[in-house]
Structures are given as structure tokens and as C-alpha cells.
Amino acid sequence: MPSTKSQKVAKAANTDDDAQGFVKQQNKMLEAVKTRQDEARSRIRRNRSNRQKDLQARIRALKRGSSAKQLGSNADVPSLDHTAFEALRDLLARKTEIEQRIAKSIETLEKVMNTTSNEFQAALRSRSENAKTTTMPAATSAATGTSSALIVKQ
């Protein structure tokens, strides 16, 4: 039975140079694989150490807490040790401060509206009193028979 292409028998007449070339090529490929693996391992170690450094910095920042910072001082400025909890606390402090300012401005607006309303009421009273005093002489003169009438515009 004839052999197929995949079942070809290796040539028995390989020279030493061909065998050595093949071995050298295999060794080069193995060395390339080893260097790629070593580079990958070193990248993994480097990334792991960087992550550990970042986590340690975050832990130190959490341990320090807010003793070194005032509430609401720099919520918009991100920093390395500015944690999410501190940012949230700063935002809440700013929110309460803004609410207090809004309440104060509403109070002052109400006061201004009350004083304006009082002034308007006083102006209406004085105008109505002026109208009464100017219409009374006209009414008395009409009763006496004189024809001088005063018309008041309102």
C-alpha cells in the first residue's frame, strides 16, 4: 500500500548540519517563548505592585480622615488622597450652606415685600384721605348752591 503524504517516512539520510540547524531553530524558538513569558511575568509583577501602592495610599488617606481637611473646602478639586466619602461629605456640607443662604435670601425678600406692601397700603390710605378731603368741600358747596365742582382722578 502506498503511503500518503501525511504518512511520509522521514529521510534517513539527514546530515548533521540539517539536524543541528533544526535544533538551533528549536532552541531559538524556546528562548523567544521564555523571554516573552518572562516579560509578561515582569509586567504582571509591576502592575501588581502599582495596584498595591495605590491601595496603600488609599488606606492611608482613609486613616487620616477629615482631620487635615475642612468640610466643603475643596470638593471640586480632585487629589490623590481625596476619597469618595470625603467628596460626599464635602458636597453635603456645601448643600447645607447653599440651603442656608437660600433661606436667608427668602427671609430678606419676604421682609422687603412686607415693607413694600406696608408702604403701598400707607400710600393708598393717604390718597383716599386726600380724596375724601377734596370731595367734602365740593359736597358742601353743592349743598349751598354754588356751582364749583372738583373732579378727582383716581
C-alpha atoms as a PDB file:
ATOM      1  CA  MET A   1       0.000   0.000   0.000  1.00  0.00           C
ATOM      2  CA  PRO A   2       1.484   3.315  -0.981  1.00  0.00           C
ATOM      3  CA  SER A   3       1.993   5.867   1.795  1.00  0.00           C
ATOM      4  CA  THR A   4       0.027   9.082   1.781  1.00  0.00           C
ATOM      5  CA  LYS A   5       1.556  12.485   2.053  1.00  0.00           C
ATOM      6  CA  SER A   6       0.865  12.752   5.772  1.00  0.00           C
ATOM      7  CA  GLN A   7       2.465   9.382   6.391  1.00  0.00           C
ATOM      8  CA  LYS A   8       5.701  10.065   4.596  1.00  0.00           C
ATOM      9  CA  VAL A   9       8.645   8.398   6.130  1.00  0.00           C
ATOM     10  CA  ALA A  10      11.414  10.691   7.233  1.00  0.00           C
ATOM     11  CA  LYS A  11      14.516  10.571   5.174  1.00  0.00           C
ATOM     12  CA  ALA A  12      17.187   8.538   6.782  1.00  0.00           C
ATOM     13  CA  ALA A  13      19.948  10.448   5.084  1.00  0.00           C
ATOM     14  CA  ASN A  14      19.733  13.631   7.190  1.00  0.00           C
ATOM     15  CA  THR A  15      23.071  15.246   7.559  1.00  0.00           C
ATOM     16  CA  ASP A  16      24.397  16.584  10.820  1.00  0.00           C
ATOM     17  CA  ASP A  17      24.172  20.183   9.579  1.00  0.00           C
ATOM     18  CA  ASP A  18      20.434  19.892   8.944  1.00  0.00           C
ATOM     19  CA  ALA A  19      19.870  18.316  12.342  1.00  0.00           C
ATOM     20  CA  GLN A  20      21.956  20.959  14.064  1.00  0.00           C
ATOM     21  CA  GLY A  21      20.095  23.717  12.183  1.00  0.00           C
ATOM     22  CA  PHE A  22      16.794  22.271  13.285  1.00  0.00           C
ATOM     23  CA  VAL A  23      17.961  22.014  16.898  1.00  0.00           C
ATOM     24  CA  LYS A  24      19.268  25.585  16.790  1.00  0.00           C
ATOM     25  CA  GLN A  25      15.974  26.824  15.394  1.00  0.00           C
ATOM     26  CA  GLN A  26      14.062  24.959  18.101  1.00  0.00           C
ATOM     27  CA  ASN A  27      16.339  26.427  20.786  1.00  0.00           C
ATOM     28  CA  LYS A  28      15.816  29.949  19.410  1.00  0.00           C
ATOM     29  CA  MET A  29      12.071  29.457  19.454  1.00  0.00           C
ATOM     30  CA  LEU A  30      12.195  28.149  23.035  1.00  0.00           C
ATOM     31  CA  GLU A  31      14.320  31.126  24.095  1.00  0.00           C
ATOM     32  CA  ALA A  32      11.862  33.527  22.439  1.00  0.00           C
ATOM     33  CA  VAL A  33       8.983  31.877  24.272  1.00  0.00           C
ATOM     34  CA  LYS A  34      10.878  32.086  27.568  1.00  0.00           C
ATOM     35  CA  THR A  35      11.679  35.787  27.076  1.00  0.00           C
ATOM     36  CA  ARG A  36       8.044  36.561  26.235  1.00  0.00           C
ATOM     37  CA  GLN A  37       6.925  34.679  29.348  1.00  0.00           C
ATOM     38  CA  ASP A  38       9.498  36.493  31.491  1.00  0.00           C
ATOM     39  CA  GLU A  39       8.396  39.866  30.112  1.00  0.00           C
ATOM     40  CA  ALA A  40       4.763  39.013  30.792  1.00  0.00           C
ATOM     41  CA  ARG A  41       5.612  37.924  34.343  1.00  0.00           C
ATOM     42  CA  SER A  42       7.528  41.151  34.971  1.00  0.00           C
ATOM     43  CA  ARG A  43       4.579  43.217  33.632  1.00  0.00           C
ATOM     44  CA  ILE A  44       2.233  41.325  35.928  1.00  0.00           C
ATOM     45  CA  ARG A  45       4.546  41.920  38.912  1.00  0.00           C
ATOM     46  CA  ARG A  46       4.848  45.613  38.041  1.00  0.00           C
ATOM     47  CA  ASN A  47       1.074  46.041  37.716  1.00  0.00           C
ATOM     48  CA  ARG A  48       0.501  44.152  40.957  1.00  0.00           C
ATOM     49  CA  SER A  49       2.985  46.330  42.851  1.00  0.00           C
ATOM     50  CA  ASN A  50       1.455  49.503  41.392  1.00  0.00           C
ATOM     51  CA  ARG A  51      -2.015  48.362  42.451  1.00  0.00           C
ATOM     52  CA  GLN A  52      -0.721  47.590  45.939  1.00  0.00           C
ATOM     53  CA  LYS A  53       0.869  51.038  46.172  1.00  0.00           C
ATOM     54  CA  ASP A  54      -2.401  52.677  45.114  1.00  0.00           C
ATOM     55  CA  LEU A  55      -4.368  50.659  47.651  1.00  0.00           C
ATOM     56  CA  GLN A  56      -1.912  51.524  50.416  1.00  0.00           C
ATOM     57  CA  ALA A  57      -2.193  55.216  49.546  1.00  0.00           C
ATOM     58  CA  ARG A  58      -5.989  54.973  49.707  1.00  0.00           C
ATOM     59  CA  ILE A  59      -5.808  53.180  53.056  1.00  0.00           C
ATOM     60  CA  ARG A  60      -3.514  55.902  54.435  1.00  0.00           C
ATOM     61  CA  ALA A  61      -5.905  58.572  53.183  1.00  0.00           C
ATOM     62  CA  LEU A  62      -8.850  56.833  54.822  1.00  0.00           C
ATOM     63  CA  LYS A  63      -6.954  56.528  58.098  1.00  0.00           C
ATOM     64  CA  ARG A  64      -6.167  60.239  58.055  1.00  0.00           C
ATOM     65  CA  GLY A  65      -9.825  61.014  57.569  1.00  0.00           C
ATOM     66  CA  SER A  66     -11.032  64.565  57.571  1.00  0.00           C
ATOM     67  CA  SER A  67      -8.744  65.794  60.349  1.00  0.00           C
ATOM     68  CA  ALA A  68      -6.482  67.545  57.863  1.00  0.00           C
ATOM     69  CA  LYS A  69      -9.265  68.988  55.717  1.00  0.00           C
ATOM     70  CA  GLN A  70     -12.116  71.405  56.279  1.00  0.00           C
ATOM     71  CA  LEU A  71     -15.566  70.405  55.170  1.00  0.00           C
ATOM     72  CA  GLY A  72     -16.599  71.923  51.882  1.00  0.00           C
ATOM     73  CA  SER A  73     -13.201  73.455  51.183  1.00  0.00           C
ATOM     74  CA  ASN A  74     -12.144  71.692  48.001  1.00  0.00           C
ATOM     75  CA  ALA A  75     -14.875  69.355  46.829  1.00  0.00           C
ATOM     76  CA  ASP A  76     -14.317  70.306  43.204  1.00  0.00           C
ATOM     77  CA  VAL A  77     -10.545  69.765  43.238  1.00  0.00           C
ATOM     78  CA  PRO A  78      -9.610  66.090  42.927  1.00  0.00           C
ATOM     79  CA  SER A  79      -6.468  64.982  44.711  1.00  0.00           C
ATOM     80  CA  LEU A  80      -4.730  61.685  45.304  1.00  0.00           C
ATOM     81  CA  ASP A  81      -5.959  61.245  48.869  1.00  0.00           C
ATOM     82  CA  HIS A  82      -9.432  62.670  48.237  1.00  0.00           C
ATOM     83  CA  THR A  83     -11.737  59.699  48.755  1.00  0.00           C
ATOM     84  CA  ALA A  84     -15.325  59.327  47.644  1.00  0.00           C
ATOM     85  CA  PHE A  85     -16.514  59.527  51.244  1.00  0.00           C
ATOM     86  CA  GLU A  86     -14.751  62.853  51.756  1.00  0.00           C
ATOM     87  CA  ALA A  87     -16.136  64.173  48.486  1.00  0.00           C
ATOM     88  CA  LEU A  88     -19.649  63.179  49.510  1.00  0.00           C
ATOM     89  CA  ARG A  89     -19.241  64.798  52.916  1.00  0.00           C
ATOM     90  CA  ASP A  90     -17.924  67.988  51.289  1.00  0.00           C
ATOM     91  CA  LEU A  91     -20.842  68.073  48.868  1.00  0.00           C
ATOM     92  CA  LEU A  92     -23.335  67.654  51.708  1.00  0.00           C
ATOM     93  CA  ALA A  93     -21.676  70.498  53.622  1.00  0.00           C
ATOM     94  CA  ARG A  94     -21.880  72.713  50.543  1.00  0.00           C
ATOM     95  CA  LYS A  95     -25.531  71.724  50.067  1.00  0.00           C
ATOM     96  CA  THR A  96     -26.467  72.739  53.612  1.00  0.00           C
ATOM     97  CA  GLU A  97     -24.562  76.007  53.201  1.00  0.00           C
ATOM     98  CA  ILE A  98     -26.439  76.760  49.979  1.00  0.00           C
ATOM     99  CA  GLU A  99     -29.764  75.884  51.622  1.00  0.00           C
ATOM    100  CA  GLN A 100     -28.994  78.289  54.472  1.00  0.00           C
ATOM    101  CA  ARG A 101     -28.140  81.075  52.032  1.00  0.00           C
ATOM    102  CA  ILE A 102     -31.379  80.429  50.124  1.00  0.00           C
ATOM    103  CA  ALA A 103     -33.391  80.549  53.358  1.00  0.00           C
ATOM    104  CA  LYS A 104     -31.750  83.870  54.306  1.00  0.00           C
ATOM    105  CA  SER A 105     -32.445  85.367  50.896  1.00  0.00           C
ATOM    106  CA  ILE A 106     -36.082  84.231  51.085  1.00  0.00           C
ATOM    107  CA  GLU A 107     -36.413  85.872  54.500  1.00  0.00           C
ATOM    108  CA  THR A 108     -34.979  89.149  53.216  1.00  0.00           C
ATOM    109  CA  LEU A 109     -37.292  89.021  50.185  1.00  0.00           C
ATOM    110  CA  GLU A 110     -40.287  88.494  52.473  1.00  0.00           C
ATOM    111  CA  LYS A 111     -39.217  91.443  54.619  1.00  0.00           C
ATOM    112  CA  VAL A 112     -38.837  93.639  51.547  1.00  0.00           C
ATOM    113  CA  MET A 113     -42.235  92.528  50.263  1.00  0.00           C
ATOM    114  CA  ASN A 114     -43.846  93.283  53.640  1.00  0.00           C
ATOM    115  CA  THR A 115     -42.300  96.748  53.813  1.00  0.00           C
ATOM    116  CA  THR A 116     -43.309  97.439  50.210  1.00  0.00           C
ATOM    117  CA  SER A 117     -46.823  96.234  50.930  1.00  0.00           C
ATOM    118  CA  ASN A 118     -46.998  98.413  54.044  1.00  0.00           C
ATOM    119  CA  GLU A 119     -45.758 101.429  52.090  1.00  0.00           C
ATOM    120  CA  PHE A 120     -48.301 100.732  49.353  1.00  0.00           C
ATOM    121  CA  GLN A 121     -51.108 100.465  51.918  1.00  0.00           C
ATOM    122  CA  ALA A 122     -49.990 103.735  53.516  1.00  0.00           C
ATOM    123  CA  ALA A 123     -49.932 105.438  50.110  1.00  0.00           C
ATOM    124  CA  LEU A 124     -53.445 104.155  49.354  1.00  0.00           C
ATOM    125  CA  ARG A 125     -54.708 105.381  52.736  1.00  0.00           C
ATOM    126  CA  SER A 126     -53.224 108.837  52.250  1.00  0.00           C
ATOM    127  CA  ARG A 127     -54.638 109.040  48.734  1.00  0.00           C
ATOM    128  CA  SER A 128     -58.090 108.008  49.900  1.00  0.00           C
ATOM    129  CA  GLU A 129     -57.892 110.570  52.716  1.00  0.00           C
ATOM    130  CA  ASN A 130     -56.889 113.221  50.188  1.00  0.00           C
ATOM    131  CA  ALA A 131     -59.817 112.210  48.005  1.00  0.00           C
ATOM    132  CA  LYS A 132     -62.217 112.444  50.962  1.00  0.00           C
ATOM    133  CA  THR A 133     -60.980 115.883  51.959  1.00  0.00           C
ATOM    134  CA  THR A 134     -61.226 117.202  48.403  1.00  0.00           C
ATOM    135  CA  THR A 135     -64.718 115.779  47.804  1.00  0.00           C
ATOM    136  CA  MET A 136     -66.127 117.104  51.103  1.00  0.00           C
ATOM    137  CA  PRO A 137     -65.795 120.793  50.192  1.00  0.00           C
ATOM    138  CA  ALA A 138     -67.358 120.015  46.830  1.00  0.00           C
ATOM    139  CA  ALA A 139     -70.251 118.266  48.532  1.00  0.00           C
ATOM    140  CA  THR A 140     -70.770 121.183  50.938  1.00  0.00           C
ATOM    141  CA  SER A 141     -70.571 123.703  48.120  1.00  0.00           C
ATOM    142  CA  ALA A 142     -73.116 121.708  46.110  1.00  0.00           C
ATOM    143  CA  ALA A 143     -75.401 121.757  49.088  1.00  0.00           C
ATOM    144  CA  THR A 144     -75.090 125.538  49.387  1.00  0.00           C
ATOM    145  CA  GLY A 145     -75.838 126.077  45.739  1.00  0.00           C
ATOM    146  CA  THR A 146     -72.530 127.134  44.284  1.00  0.00           C
ATOM    147  CA  SER A 147     -71.637 125.519  41.029  1.00  0.00           C
ATOM    148  CA  SER A 148     -67.920 124.991  41.588  1.00  0.00           C
ATOM    149  CA  ALA A 149     -67.305 121.224  41.465  1.00  0.00           C
ATOM    150  CA  LEU A 150     -63.965 119.496  41.885  1.00  0.00           C
ATOM    151  CA  ILE A 151     -63.316 116.298  39.918  1.00  0.00           C
ATOM    152  CA  VAL A 152     -60.807 113.907  41.444  1.00  0.00           C
ATOM    153  CA  LYS A 153     -58.967 111.494  39.163  1.00  0.00           C
ATOM    154  CA  GLN A 154     -58.174 108.108  40.571  1.00  0.00           C
END
